[in-house]
Amino acid sequence: MASRLVVKATAGADAPERCAQAFTVASVAVAAGVEVSLWLTGEAAWFAVAGHAERFELPHSPPLASLRDAVLAGGSLTLCTQCAVRRGITDVLPGVRTAGAALFVAEVLADDTQALVY
């Protein structure tokens, strides 16, 4: 079993079920004691900005802001550099790092790592 999980969220409010699944899996893995890295790309990039996750709604899903905060508290949350630039995102939540594809590749290729893309 992998000791590290890298989750890449590529969807935001445009595909709410896929988006919520990425956050749910990442937060459950954190709760289980797994080392977790959640990457926000594409429309998911907006969830690195204050207030966006708080407005996200999906019936029968935990609040996205709670899932995000669980990952921030016990794992790492990374905003894709190019995705941020394309959307004009410059101000992110405390604890969110901004990084590019080179770091993503390094993370997913590390030993004992499982990567999932939603």
PDB file of N, CA and C in Angstrom:
ATOM      1  N   MET A   1       0.832  -1.187   0.000  1.00  0.00           N
ATOM      2  CA  MET A   1       0.000   0.000   0.000  1.00  0.00           C
ATOM      3  C   MET A   1       0.874   1.246   0.000  1.00  0.00           C
ATOM      4  N   ALA A   2       0.485   2.223  -0.785  1.00  0.00           N
ATOM      5  CA  ALA A   2       1.233   3.469  -0.855  1.00  0.00           C
ATOM      6  C   ALA A   2       1.104   4.237   0.456  1.00  0.00           C
ATOM      7  N   SER A   3       2.176   4.904   0.855  1.00  0.00           N
ATOM      8  CA  SER A   3       2.132   5.690   2.080  1.00  0.00           C
ATOM      9  C   SER A   3       1.858   7.161   1.797  1.00  0.00           C
ATOM     10  N   ARG A   4       1.798   7.512   0.522  1.00  0.00           N
ATOM     11  CA  ARG A   4       1.550   8.902   0.120  1.00  0.00           C
ATOM     12  C   ARG A   4       0.525   8.906  -1.000  1.00  0.00           C
ATOM     13  N   LEU A   5      -0.393   9.861  -0.945  1.00  0.00           N
ATOM     14  CA  LEU A   5      -1.424  10.004  -1.965  1.00  0.00           C
ATOM     15  C   LEU A   5      -1.369  11.402  -2.551  1.00  0.00           C
ATOM     16  N   VAL A   6      -1.281  11.478  -3.865  1.00  0.00           N
ATOM     17  CA  VAL A   6      -1.338  12.747  -4.575  1.00  0.00           C
ATOM     18  C   VAL A   6      -2.647  12.753  -5.351  1.00  0.00           C
ATOM     19  N   VAL A   7      -3.477  13.754  -5.082  1.00  0.00           N
ATOM     20  CA  VAL A   7      -4.774  13.888  -5.745  1.00  0.00           C
ATOM     21  C   VAL A   7      -4.754  15.176  -6.560  1.00  0.00           C
ATOM     22  N   LYS A   8      -5.124  15.061  -7.829  1.00  0.00           N
ATOM     23  CA  LYS A   8      -5.186  16.231  -8.698  1.00  0.00           C
ATOM     24  C   LYS A   8      -6.650  16.500  -9.026  1.00  0.00           C
ATOM     25  N   ALA A   9      -7.142  17.650  -8.582  1.00  0.00           N
ATOM     26  CA  ALA A   9      -8.511  18.073  -8.873  1.00  0.00           C
ATOM     27  C   ALA A   9      -8.479  18.984 -10.089  1.00  0.00           C
ATOM     28  N   THR A  10      -9.135  18.554 -11.159  1.00  0.00           N
ATOM     29  CA  THR A  10      -9.131  19.334 -12.394  1.00  0.00           C
ATOM     30  C   THR A  10     -10.454  20.045 -12.639  1.00  0.00           C
ATOM     31  N   ALA A  11     -11.463  19.723 -11.827  1.00  0.00           N
ATOM     32  CA  ALA A  11     -12.807  20.275 -12.013  1.00  0.00           C
ATOM     33  C   ALA A  11     -13.202  21.116 -10.813  1.00  0.00           C
ATOM     34  N   GLY A  12     -14.020  22.099 -11.077  1.00  0.00           N
ATOM     35  CA  GLY A  12     -14.549  22.946 -10.009  1.00  0.00           C
ATOM     36  C   GLY A  12     -16.063  22.894 -10.032  1.00  0.00           C
ATOM     37  N   ALA A  13     -16.685  24.043  -9.924  1.00  0.00           N
ATOM     38  CA  ALA A  13     -18.145  24.121  -9.946  1.00  0.00           C
ATOM     39  C   ALA A  13     -18.715  23.662 -11.290  1.00  0.00           C
ATOM     40  N   ASP A  14     -17.873  23.598 -12.316  1.00  0.00           N
ATOM     41  CA  ASP A  14     -18.303  23.144 -13.645  1.00  0.00           C
ATOM     42  C   ASP A  14     -18.610  21.648 -13.672  1.00  0.00           C
ATOM     43  N   ALA A  15     -18.047  20.880 -12.748  1.00  0.00           N
ATOM     44  CA  ALA A  15     -18.287  19.437 -12.630  1.00  0.00           C
ATOM     45  C   ALA A  15     -18.290  19.117 -11.130  1.00  0.00           C
ATOM     46  N   PRO A  16     -19.359  19.487 -10.431  1.00  0.00           N
ATOM     47  CA  PRO A  16     -19.351  19.444  -8.972  1.00  0.00           C
ATOM     48  C   PRO A  16     -19.119  18.064  -8.358  1.00  0.00           C
ATOM     49  N   GLU A  17     -19.659  17.020  -8.942  1.00  0.00           N
ATOM     50  CA  GLU A  17     -19.457  15.692  -8.347  1.00  0.00           C
ATOM     51  C   GLU A  17     -18.003  15.255  -8.433  1.00  0.00           C
ATOM     52  N   ARG A  18     -17.387  15.482  -9.578  1.00  0.00           N
ATOM     53  CA  ARG A  18     -15.972  15.123  -9.734  1.00  0.00           C
ATOM     54  C   ARG A  18     -15.107  15.952  -8.780  1.00  0.00           C
ATOM     55  N   CYS A  19     -15.426  17.218  -8.667  1.00  0.00           N
ATOM     56  CA  CYS A  19     -14.694  18.108  -7.770  1.00  0.00           C
ATOM     57  C   CYS A  19     -14.810  17.633  -6.324  1.00  0.00           C
ATOM     58  N   ALA A  20     -16.034  17.400  -5.876  1.00  0.00           N
ATOM     59  CA  ALA A  20     -16.256  16.980  -4.494  1.00  0.00           C
ATOM     60  C   ALA A  20     -15.582  15.640  -4.210  1.00  0.00           C
ATOM     61  N   GLN A  21     -15.563  14.764  -5.190  1.00  0.00           N
ATOM     62  CA  GLN A  21     -14.920  13.454  -4.996  1.00  0.00           C
ATOM     63  C   GLN A  21     -13.431  13.624  -4.712  1.00  0.00           C
ATOM     64  N   ALA A  22     -12.772  14.498  -5.438  1.00  0.00           N
ATOM     65  CA  ALA A  22     -11.339  14.723  -5.216  1.00  0.00           C
ATOM     66  C   ALA A  22     -11.077  15.216  -3.795  1.00  0.00           C
ATOM     67  N   PHE A  23     -11.855  16.198  -3.360  1.00  0.00           N
ATOM     68  CA  PHE A  23     -11.687  16.744  -2.015  1.00  0.00           C
ATOM     69  C   PHE A  23     -12.049  15.710  -0.949  1.00  0.00           C
ATOM     70  N   THR A  24     -13.088  14.922  -1.192  1.00  0.00           N
ATOM     71  CA  THR A  24     -13.514  13.909  -0.232  1.00  0.00           C
ATOM     72  C   THR A  24     -12.433  12.847  -0.066  1.00  0.00           C
ATOM     73  N   VAL A  25     -11.926  12.324  -1.166  1.00  0.00           N
ATOM     74  CA  VAL A  25     -10.886  11.291  -1.098  1.00  0.00           C
ATOM     75  C   VAL A  25      -9.644  11.833  -0.394  1.00  0.00           C
ATOM     76  N   ALA A  26      -9.246  13.040  -0.730  1.00  0.00           N
ATOM     77  CA  ALA A  26      -8.059  13.625  -0.095  1.00  0.00           C
ATOM     78  C   ALA A  26      -8.259  13.801   1.403  1.00  0.00           C
ATOM     79  N   SER A  27      -9.419  14.297   1.821  1.00  0.00           N
ATOM     80  CA  SER A  27      -9.645  14.533   3.250  1.00  0.00           C
ATOM     81  C   SER A  27      -9.793  13.226   4.029  1.00  0.00           C
ATOM     82  N   VAL A  28     -10.414  12.218   3.428  1.00  0.00           N
ATOM     83  CA  VAL A  28     -10.522  10.914   4.087  1.00  0.00           C
ATOM     84  C   VAL A  28      -9.136  10.290   4.250  1.00  0.00           C
ATOM     85  N   ALA A  29      -8.293  10.435   3.245  1.00  0.00           N
ATOM     86  CA  ALA A  29      -6.931   9.915   3.348  1.00  0.00           C
ATOM     87  C   ALA A  29      -6.160  10.615   4.462  1.00  0.00           C
ATOM     88  N   VAL A  30      -6.323  11.921   4.592  1.00  0.00           N
ATOM     89  CA  VAL A  30      -5.681  12.655   5.691  1.00  0.00           C
ATOM     90  C   VAL A  30      -6.159  12.093   7.025  1.00  0.00           C
ATOM     91  N   ALA A  31      -7.478  11.896   7.145  1.00  0.00           N
ATOM     92  CA  ALA A  31      -8.043  11.366   8.394  1.00  0.00           C
ATOM     93  C   ALA A  31      -7.518   9.969   8.710  1.00  0.00           C
ATOM     94  N   ALA A  32      -7.173   9.216   7.666  1.00  0.00           N
ATOM     95  CA  ALA A  32      -6.646   7.861   7.847  1.00  0.00           C
ATOM     96  C   ALA A  32      -5.143   7.848   8.130  1.00  0.00           C
ATOM     97  N   GLY A  33      -4.538   9.026   8.155  1.00  0.00           N
ATOM     98  CA  GLY A  33      -3.119   9.105   8.466  1.00  0.00           C
ATOM     99  C   GLY A  33      -2.187   9.008   7.281  1.00  0.00           C
ATOM    100  N   VAL A  34      -2.738   9.085   6.088  1.00  0.00           N
ATOM    101  CA  VAL A  34      -1.929   9.033   4.870  1.00  0.00           C
ATOM    102  C   VAL A  34      -1.342  10.424   4.602  1.00  0.00           C
ATOM    103  N   GLU A  35      -0.129  10.476   4.102  1.00  0.00           N
ATOM    104  CA  GLU A  35       0.467  11.737   3.676  1.00  0.00           C
ATOM    105  C   GLU A  35      -0.212  12.140   2.356  1.00  0.00           C
ATOM    106  N   VAL A  36      -0.856  13.309   2.345  1.00  0.00           N
ATOM    107  CA  VAL A  36      -1.686  13.713   1.211  1.00  0.00           C
ATOM    108  C   VAL A  36      -1.214  15.037   0.620  1.00  0.00           C
ATOM    109  N   SER A  37      -1.209  15.072  -0.706  1.00  0.00           N
ATOM    110  CA  SER A  37      -0.948  16.285  -1.452  1.00  0.00           C
ATOM    111  C   SER A  37      -2.101  16.469  -2.435  1.00  0.00           C
ATOM    112  N   LEU A  38      -2.878  17.533  -2.253  1.00  0.00           N
ATOM    113  CA  LEU A  38      -4.003  17.841  -3.144  1.00  0.00           C
ATOM    114  C   LEU A  38      -3.615  18.999  -4.036  1.00  0.00           C
ATOM    115  N   TRP A  39      -3.692  18.762  -5.346  1.00  0.00           N
ATOM    116  CA  TRP A  39      -3.364  19.780  -6.344  1.00  0.00           C
ATOM    117  C   TRP A  39      -4.642  20.357  -6.937  1.00  0.00           C
ATOM    118  N   LEU A  40      -4.713  21.675  -7.028  1.00  0.00           N
ATOM    119  CA  LEU A  40      -5.860  22.364  -7.620  1.00  0.00           C
ATOM    120  C   LEU A  40      -5.458  22.884  -8.991  1.00  0.00           C
ATOM    121  N   THR A  41      -6.109  22.335 -10.016  1.00  0.00           N
ATOM    122  CA  THR A  41      -5.811  22.722 -11.393  1.00  0.00           C
ATOM    123  C   THR A  41      -7.120  23.045 -12.104  1.00  0.00           C
ATOM    124  N   GLY A  42      -7.025  23.642 -13.269  1.00  0.00           N
ATOM    125  CA  GLY A  42      -8.227  23.990 -14.015  1.00  0.00           C
ATOM    126  C   GLY A  42      -9.162  24.822 -13.156  1.00  0.00           C
ATOM    127  N   GLU A  43     -10.463  24.551 -13.246  1.00  0.00           N
ATOM    128  CA  GLU A  43     -11.454  25.323 -12.492  1.00  0.00           C
ATOM    129  C   GLU A  43     -11.381  25.076 -10.987  1.00  0.00           C
ATOM    130  N   ALA A  44     -10.740  23.989 -10.562  1.00  0.00           N
ATOM    131  CA  ALA A  44     -10.544  23.758  -9.127  1.00  0.00           C
ATOM    132  C   ALA A  44      -9.600  24.792  -8.519  1.00  0.00           C
ATOM    133  N   ALA A  45      -8.847  25.488  -9.348  1.00  0.00           N
ATOM    134  CA  ALA A  45      -7.916  26.508  -8.866  1.00  0.00           C
ATOM    135  C   ALA A  45      -8.619  27.556  -8.006  1.00  0.00           C
ATOM    136  N   TRP A  46      -9.871  27.835  -8.305  1.00  0.00           N
ATOM    137  CA  TRP A  46     -10.617  28.849  -7.554  1.00  0.00           C
ATOM    138  C   TRP A  46     -10.757  28.502  -6.076  1.00  0.00           C
ATOM    139  N   PHE A  47     -10.642  27.241  -5.715  1.00  0.00           N
ATOM    140  CA  PHE A  47     -10.821  26.848  -4.322  1.00  0.00           C
ATOM    141  C   PHE A  47      -9.599  27.144  -3.459  1.00  0.00           C
ATOM    142  N   ALA A  48      -8.571  27.708  -4.051  1.00  0.00           N
ATOM    143  CA  ALA A  48      -7.429  28.213  -3.289  1.00  0.00           C
ATOM    144  C   ALA A  48      -7.676  29.642  -2.826  1.00  0.00           C
ATOM    145  N   VAL A  49      -8.768  30.244  -3.282  1.00  0.00           N
ATOM    146  CA  VAL A  49      -9.113  31.628  -2.982  1.00  0.00           C
ATOM    147  C   VAL A  49     -10.204  31.656  -1.909  1.00  0.00           C
ATOM    148  N   ALA A  50     -10.050  32.523  -0.929  1.00  0.00           N
ATOM    149  CA  ALA A  50     -11.027  32.644   0.157  1.00  0.00           C
ATOM    150  C   ALA A  50     -12.435  32.880  -0.401  1.00  0.00           C
ATOM    151  N   GLY A  51     -13.395  32.162   0.174  1.00  0.00           N
ATOM    152  CA  GLY A  51     -14.797  32.344  -0.165  1.00  0.00           C
ATOM    153  C   GLY A  51     -15.341  31.443  -1.249  1.00  0.00           C
ATOM    154  N   HIS A  52     -14.500  30.919  -2.113  1.00  0.00           N
ATOM    155  CA  HIS A  52     -14.995  30.104  -3.230  1.00  0.00           C
ATOM    156  C   HIS A  52     -15.506  28.739  -2.774  1.00  0.00           C
ATOM    157  N   ALA A  53     -14.772  28.056  -1.930  1.00  0.00           N
ATOM    158  CA  ALA A  53     -15.233  26.747  -1.441  1.00  0.00           C
ATOM    159  C   ALA A  53     -16.477  26.907  -0.573  1.00  0.00           C
ATOM    160  N   GLU A  54     -16.560  28.025   0.123  1.00  0.00           N
ATOM    161  CA  GLU A  54     -17.707  28.273   0.985  1.00  0.00           C
ATOM    162  C   GLU A  54     -19.004  28.424   0.185  1.00  0.00           C
ATOM    163  N   ARG A  55     -18.913  28.828  -1.062  1.00  0.00           N
ATOM    164  CA  ARG A  55     -20.097  28.991  -1.920  1.00  0.00           C
ATOM    165  C   ARG A  55     -20.450  27.727  -2.700  1.00  0.00           C
ATOM    166  N   PHE A  56     -19.566  26.739  -2.689  1.00  0.00           N
ATOM    167  CA  PHE A  56     -19.785  25.494  -3.429  1.00  0.00           C
ATOM    168  C   PHE A  56     -20.848  24.662  -2.728  1.00  0.00           C
ATOM    169  N   GLU A  57     -21.817  24.186  -3.497  1.00  0.00           N
ATOM    170  CA  GLU A  57     -22.866  23.343  -2.928  1.00  0.00           C
ATOM    171  C   GLU A  57     -23.086  22.119  -3.796  1.00  0.00           C
ATOM    172  N   LEU A  58     -23.196  20.977  -3.126  1.00  0.00           N
ATOM    173  CA  LEU A  58     -23.530  19.727  -3.789  1.00  0.00           C
ATOM    174  C   LEU A  58     -24.356  18.915  -2.804  1.00  0.00           C
ATOM    175  N   PRO A  59     -25.607  18.597  -3.167  1.00  0.00           N
ATOM    176  CA  PRO A  59     -26.454  17.840  -2.240  1.00  0.00           C
ATOM    177  C   PRO A  59     -25.779  16.543  -1.778  1.00  0.00           C
ATOM    178  N   HIS A  60     -25.927  16.256  -0.510  1.00  0.00           N
ATOM    179  CA  HIS A  60     -25.443  15.025   0.123  1.00  0.00           C
ATOM    180  C   HIS A  60     -23.918  14.936   0.169  1.00  0.00           C
ATOM    181  N   SER A  61     -23.253  16.050   0.021  1.00  0.00           N
ATOM    182  CA  SER A  61     -21.794  16.097   0.097  1.00  0.00           C
ATOM    183  C   SER A  61     -21.399  16.979   1.277  1.00  0.00           C
ATOM    184  N   PRO A  62     -20.345  16.617   1.980  1.00  0.00           N
ATOM    185  CA  PRO A  62     -19.870  17.509   3.058  1.00  0.00           C
ATOM    186  C   PRO A  62     -19.489  18.868   2.466  1.00  0.00           C
ATOM    187  N   PRO A  63     -19.517  19.910   3.274  1.00  0.00           N
ATOM    188  CA  PRO A  63     -19.109  21.231   2.777  1.00  0.00           C
ATOM    189  C   PRO A  63     -17.677  21.202   2.233  1.00  0.00           C
ATOM    190  N   LEU A  64     -17.504  21.719   1.043  1.00  0.00           N
ATOM    191  CA  LEU A  64     -16.181  21.693   0.406  1.00  0.00           C
ATOM    192  C   LEU A  64     -15.146  22.441   1.241  1.00  0.00           C
ATOM    193  N   ALA A  65     -15.558  23.528   1.882  1.00  0.00           N
ATOM    194  CA  ALA A  65     -14.617  24.289   2.708  1.00  0.00           C
ATOM    195  C   ALA A  65     -14.088  23.424   3.861  1.00  0.00           C
ATOM    196  N   SER A  66     -14.927  22.578   4.427  1.00  0.00           N
ATOM    197  CA  SER A  66     -14.485  21.691   5.511  1.00  0.00           C
ATOM    198  C   SER A  66     -13.489  20.654   5.006  1.00  0.00           C
ATOM    199  N   LEU A  67     -13.766  20.125   3.828  1.00  0.00           N
ATOM    200  CA  LEU A  67     -12.847  19.142   3.233  1.00  0.00           C
ATOM    201  C   LEU A  67     -11.506  19.799   2.922  1.00  0.00           C
ATOM    202  N   ARG A  68     -11.568  20.989   2.339  1.00  0.00           N
ATOM    203  CA  ARG A  68     -10.337  21.741   2.024  1.00  0.00           C
ATOM    204  C   ARG A  68      -9.541  22.025   3.286  1.00  0.00           C
ATOM    205  N   ASP A  69     -10.234  22.456   4.338  1.00  0.00           N
ATOM    206  CA  ASP A  69      -9.541  22.793   5.578  1.00  0.00           C
ATOM    207  C   ASP A  69      -8.907  21.568   6.225  1.00  0.00           C
ATOM    208  N   ALA A  70      -9.542  20.413   6.081  1.00  0.00           N
ATOM    209  CA  ALA A  70      -8.957  19.168   6.607  1.00  0.00           C
ATOM    210  C   ALA A  70      -7.648  18.849   5.891  1.00  0.00           C
ATOM    211  N   VAL A  71      -7.630  19.060   4.583  1.00  0.00           N
ATOM    212  CA  VAL A  71      -6.400  18.818   3.825  1.00  0.00           C
ATOM    213  C   VAL A  71      -5.331  19.833   4.228  1.00  0.00           C
ATOM    214  N   LEU A  72      -5.715  21.087   4.356  1.00  0.00           N
ATOM    215  CA  LEU A  72      -4.747  22.105   4.774  1.00  0.00           C
ATOM    216  C   LEU A  72      -4.163  21.798   6.153  1.00  0.00           C
ATOM    217  N   ALA A  73      -4.982  21.249   7.044  1.00  0.00           N
ATOM    218  CA  ALA A  73      -4.533  20.974   8.408  1.00  0.00           C
ATOM    219  C   ALA A  73      -3.607  19.762   8.487  1.00  0.00           C
ATOM    220  N   GLY A  74      -3.815  18.778   7.591  1.00  0.00           N
ATOM    221  CA  GLY A  74      -3.045  17.548   7.724  1.00  0.00           C
ATOM    222  C   GLY A  74      -2.251  17.123   6.514  1.00  0.00           C
ATOM    223  N   GLY A  75      -2.321  17.891   5.451  1.00  0.00           N
ATOM    224  CA  GLY A  75      -1.609  17.546   4.225  1.00  0.00           C
ATOM    225  C   GLY A  75      -1.095  18.805   3.562  1.00  0.00           C
ATOM    226  N   SER A  76      -0.977  18.747   2.245  1.00  0.00           N
ATOM    227  CA  SER A  76      -0.565  19.952   1.525  1.00  0.00           C
ATOM    228  C   SER A  76      -1.573  20.244   0.417  1.00  0.00           C
ATOM    229  N   LEU A  77      -1.757  21.529   0.143  1.00  0.00           N
ATOM    230  CA  LEU A  77      -2.676  21.998  -0.877  1.00  0.00           C
ATOM    231  C   LEU A  77      -1.890  22.895  -1.816  1.00  0.00           C
ATOM    232  N   THR A  78      -1.855  22.517  -3.087  1.00  0.00           N
ATOM    233  CA  THR A  78      -1.036  23.229  -4.066  1.00  0.00           C
ATOM    234  C   THR A  78      -1.899  23.747  -5.196  1.00  0.00           C
ATOM    235  N   LEU A  79      -1.694  24.989  -5.544  1.00  0.00           N
ATOM    236  CA  LEU A  79      -2.353  25.638  -6.680  1.00  0.00           C
ATOM    237  C   LEU A  79      -1.397  25.613  -7.865  1.00  0.00           C
ATOM    238  N   CYS A  80      -1.891  25.134  -8.990  1.00  0.00           N
ATOM    239  CA  CYS A  80      -1.102  25.101 -10.220  1.00  0.00           C
ATOM    240  C   CYS A  80      -0.739  26.525 -10.646  1.00  0.00           C
ATOM    241  N   THR A  81       0.534  26.755 -10.875  1.00  0.00           N
ATOM    242  CA  THR A  81       1.019  28.079 -11.247  1.00  0.00           C
ATOM    243  C   THR A  81       0.346  28.601 -12.514  1.00  0.00           C
ATOM    244  N   GLN A  82       0.349  27.810 -13.578  1.00  0.00           N
ATOM    245  CA  GLN A  82      -0.254  28.257 -14.843  1.00  0.00           C
ATOM    246  C   GLN A  82      -1.747  28.502 -14.704  1.00  0.00           C
ATOM    247  N   CYS A  83      -2.419  27.644 -13.952  1.00  0.00           N
ATOM    248  CA  CYS A  83      -3.864  27.789 -13.755  1.00  0.00           C
ATOM    249  C   CYS A  83      -4.169  29.096 -13.030  1.00  0.00           C
ATOM    250  N   ALA A  84      -3.339  29.424 -12.044  1.00  0.00           N
ATOM    251  CA  ALA A  84      -3.518  30.673 -11.302  1.00  0.00           C
ATOM    252  C   ALA A  84      -3.317  31.877 -12.215  1.00  0.00           C
ATOM    253  N   VAL A  85      -2.283  31.848 -13.012  1.00  0.00           N
ATOM    254  CA  VAL A  85      -1.995  32.969 -13.910  1.00  0.00           C
ATOM    255  C   VAL A  85      -3.120  33.143 -14.929  1.00  0.00           C
ATOM    256  N   ARG A  86      -3.596  32.045 -15.514  1.00  0.00           N
ATOM    257  CA  ARG A  86      -4.675  32.138 -16.509  1.00  0.00           C
ATOM    258  C   ARG A  86      -5.943  32.751 -15.923  1.00  0.00           C
ATOM    259  N   ARG A  87      -6.163  32.555 -14.619  1.00  0.00           N
ATOM    260  CA  ARG A  87      -7.373  33.051 -13.970  1.00  0.00           C
ATOM    261  C   ARG A  87      -7.150  34.350 -13.205  1.00  0.00           C
ATOM    262  N   GLY A  88      -5.948  34.854 -13.223  1.00  0.00           N
ATOM    263  CA  GLY A  88      -5.655  36.099 -12.515  1.00  0.00           C
ATOM    264  C   GLY A  88      -5.671  35.946 -10.999  1.00  0.00           C
ATOM    265  N   ILE A  89      -5.433  34.726 -10.521  1.00  0.00           N
ATOM    266  CA  ILE A  89      -5.439  34.474  -9.078  1.00  0.00           C
ATOM    267  C   ILE A  89      -4.078  34.871  -8.505  1.00  0.00           C
ATOM    268  N   THR A  90      -4.094  35.813  -7.568  1.00  0.00           N
ATOM    269  CA  THR A  90      -2.848  36.262  -6.949  1.00  0.00           C
ATOM    270  C   THR A  90      -2.885  36.167  -5.434  1.00  0.00           C
ATOM    271  N   ASP A  91      -4.063  36.134  -4.847  1.00  0.00           N
ATOM    272  CA  ASP A  91      -4.211  36.103  -3.394  1.00  0.00           C
ATOM    273  C   ASP A  91      -4.856  34.782  -2.995  1.00  0.00           C
ATOM    274  N   VAL A  92      -4.100  33.925  -2.315  1.00  0.00           N
ATOM    275  CA  VAL A  92      -4.607  32.599  -1.942  1.00  0.00           C
ATOM    276  C   VAL A  92      -4.681  32.459  -0.423  1.00  0.00           C
ATOM    277  N   LEU A  93      -5.377  31.429   0.005  1.00  0.00           N
ATOM    278  CA  LEU A  93      -5.528  31.141   1.424  1.00  0.00           C
ATOM    279  C   LEU A  93      -4.178  30.841   2.072  1.00  0.00           C
ATOM    280  N   PRO A  94      -4.038  31.158   3.362  1.00  0.00           N
ATOM    281  CA  PRO A  94      -2.808  30.786   4.069  1.00  0.00           C
ATOM    282  C   PRO A  94      -2.597  29.271   4.007  1.00  0.00           C
ATOM    283  N   GLY A  95      -1.370  28.887   3.775  1.00  0.00           N
ATOM    284  CA  GLY A  95      -1.026  27.473   3.710  1.00  0.00           C
ATOM    285  C   GLY A  95      -1.053  26.882   2.316  1.00  0.00           C
ATOM    286  N   VAL A  96      -1.633  27.596   1.350  1.00  0.00           N
ATOM    287  CA  VAL A  96      -1.669  27.110  -0.032  1.00  0.00           C
ATOM    288  C   VAL A  96      -0.359  27.502  -0.704  1.00  0.00           C
ATOM    289  N   ARG A  97       0.280  26.523  -1.316  1.00  0.00           N
ATOM    290  CA  ARG A  97       1.498  26.824  -2.073  1.00  0.00           C
ATOM    291  C   ARG A  97       1.147  26.859  -3.555  1.00  0.00           C
ATOM    292  N   THR A  98       1.949  27.556  -4.319  1.00  0.00           N
ATOM    293  CA  THR A  98       1.792  27.610  -5.769  1.00  0.00           C
ATOM    294  C   THR A  98       3.016  26.944  -6.375  1.00  0.00           C
ATOM    295  N   ALA A  99       2.760  26.002  -7.286  1.00  0.00           N
ATOM    296  CA  ALA A  99       3.870  25.269  -7.902  1.00  0.00           C
ATOM    297  C   ALA A  99       3.436  24.769  -9.274  1.00  0.00           C
ATOM    298  N   GLY A 100       4.422  24.355 -10.039  1.00  0.00           N
ATOM    299  CA  GLY A 100       4.160  23.923 -11.400  1.00  0.00           C
ATOM    300  C   GLY A 100       4.342  22.437 -11.622  1.00  0.00           C
ATOM    301  N   ALA A 101       4.333  22.080 -12.889  1.00  0.00           N
ATOM    302  CA  ALA A 101       4.342  20.684 -13.309  1.00  0.00           C
ATOM    303  C   ALA A 101       5.575  19.920 -12.833  1.00  0.00           C
ATOM    304  N   ALA A 102       6.715  20.578 -12.720  1.00  0.00           N
ATOM    305  CA  ALA A 102       7.930  19.871 -12.296  1.00  0.00           C
ATOM    306  C   ALA A 102       7.755  19.281 -10.890  1.00  0.00           C
ATOM    307  N   LEU A 103       7.151  20.039  -9.980  1.00  0.00           N
ATOM    308  CA  LEU A 103       6.935  19.517  -8.634  1.00  0.00           C
ATOM    309  C   LEU A 103       5.865  18.436  -8.638  1.00  0.00           C
ATOM    310  N   PHE A 104       4.824  18.610  -9.440  1.00  0.00           N
ATOM    311  CA  PHE A 104       3.787  17.580  -9.536  1.00  0.00           C
ATOM    312  C   PHE A 104       4.394  16.258 -10.003  1.00  0.00           C
ATOM    313  N   VAL A 105       5.200  16.311 -11.040  1.00  0.00           N
ATOM    314  CA  VAL A 105       5.845  15.097 -11.563  1.00  0.00           C
ATOM    315  C   VAL A 105       6.738  14.472 -10.496  1.00  0.00           C
ATOM    316  N   ALA A 106       7.496  15.283  -9.798  1.00  0.00           N
ATOM    317  CA  ALA A 106       8.367  14.752  -8.744  1.00  0.00           C
ATOM    318  C   ALA A 106       7.544  14.063  -7.659  1.00  0.00           C
ATOM    319  N   GLU A 107       6.411  14.644  -7.291  1.00  0.00           N
ATOM    320  CA  GLU A 107       5.574  14.038  -6.258  1.00  0.00           C
ATOM    321  C   GLU A 107       4.983  12.707  -6.712  1.00  0.00           C
ATOM    322  N   VAL A 108       4.455  12.653  -7.918  1.00  0.00           N
ATOM    323  CA  VAL A 108       3.791  11.419  -8.350  1.00  0.00           C
ATOM    324  C   VAL A 108       4.771  10.298  -8.662  1.00  0.00           C
ATOM    325  N   LEU A 109       6.018  10.635  -8.945  1.00  0.00           N
ATOM    326  CA  LEU A 109       7.017   9.627  -9.241  1.00  0.00           C
ATOM    327  C   LEU A 109       7.779   9.145  -8.006  1.00  0.00           C
ATOM    328  N   ALA A 110       7.513   9.750  -6.861  1.00  0.00           N
ATOM    329  CA  ALA A 110       8.191   9.344  -5.631  1.00  0.00           C
ATOM    330  C   ALA A 110       7.788   7.919  -5.248  1.00  0.00           C
ATOM    331  N   ASP A 111       8.691   7.226  -4.583  1.00  0.00           N
ATOM    332  CA  ASP A 111       8.417   5.855  -4.123  1.00  0.00           C
ATOM    333  C   ASP A 111       7.211   5.848  -3.194  1.00  0.00           C
ATOM    334  N   ASP A 112       6.480   4.730  -3.196  1.00  0.00           N
ATOM    335  CA  ASP A 112       5.339   4.515  -2.309  1.00  0.00           C
ATOM    336  C   ASP A 112       4.260   5.586  -2.448  1.00  0.00           C
ATOM    337  N   THR A 113       4.038   6.062  -3.676  1.00  0.00           N
ATOM    338  CA  THR A 113       3.046   7.094  -3.943  1.00  0.00           C
ATOM    339  C   THR A 113       1.997   6.595  -4.902  1.00  0.00           C
ATOM    340  N   GLN A 114       0.749   6.898  -4.588  1.00  0.00           N
ATOM    341  CA  GLN A 114      -0.387   6.631  -5.475  1.00  0.00           C
ATOM    342  C   GLN A 114      -0.917   7.977  -5.931  1.00  0.00           C
ATOM    343  N   ALA A 115      -1.160   8.113  -7.227  1.00  0.00           N
ATOM    344  CA  ALA A 115      -1.704   9.365  -7.755  1.00  0.00           C
ATOM    345  C   ALA A 115      -3.094   9.112  -8.332  1.00  0.00           C
ATOM    346  N   LEU A 116      -4.011  10.043  -8.057  1.00  0.00           N
ATOM    347  CA  LEU A 116      -5.368  10.000  -8.592  1.00  0.00           C
ATOM    348  C   LEU A 116      -5.677  11.335  -9.239  1.00  0.00           C
ATOM    349  N   VAL A 117      -6.379  11.297 -10.352  1.00  0.00           N
ATOM    350  CA  VAL A 117      -6.776  12.533 -11.033  1.00  0.00           C
ATOM    351  C   VAL A 117      -8.288  12.529 -11.192  1.00  0.00           C
ATOM    352  N   TYR A 118      -8.902  13.604 -10.746  1.00  0.00           N
ATOM    353  CA  TYR A 118     -10.350  13.784 -10.869  1.00  0.00           C
ATOM    354  C   TYR A 118     -10.642  14.977 -11.739  1.00  0.00           C
TER     355      TYR A 118
END
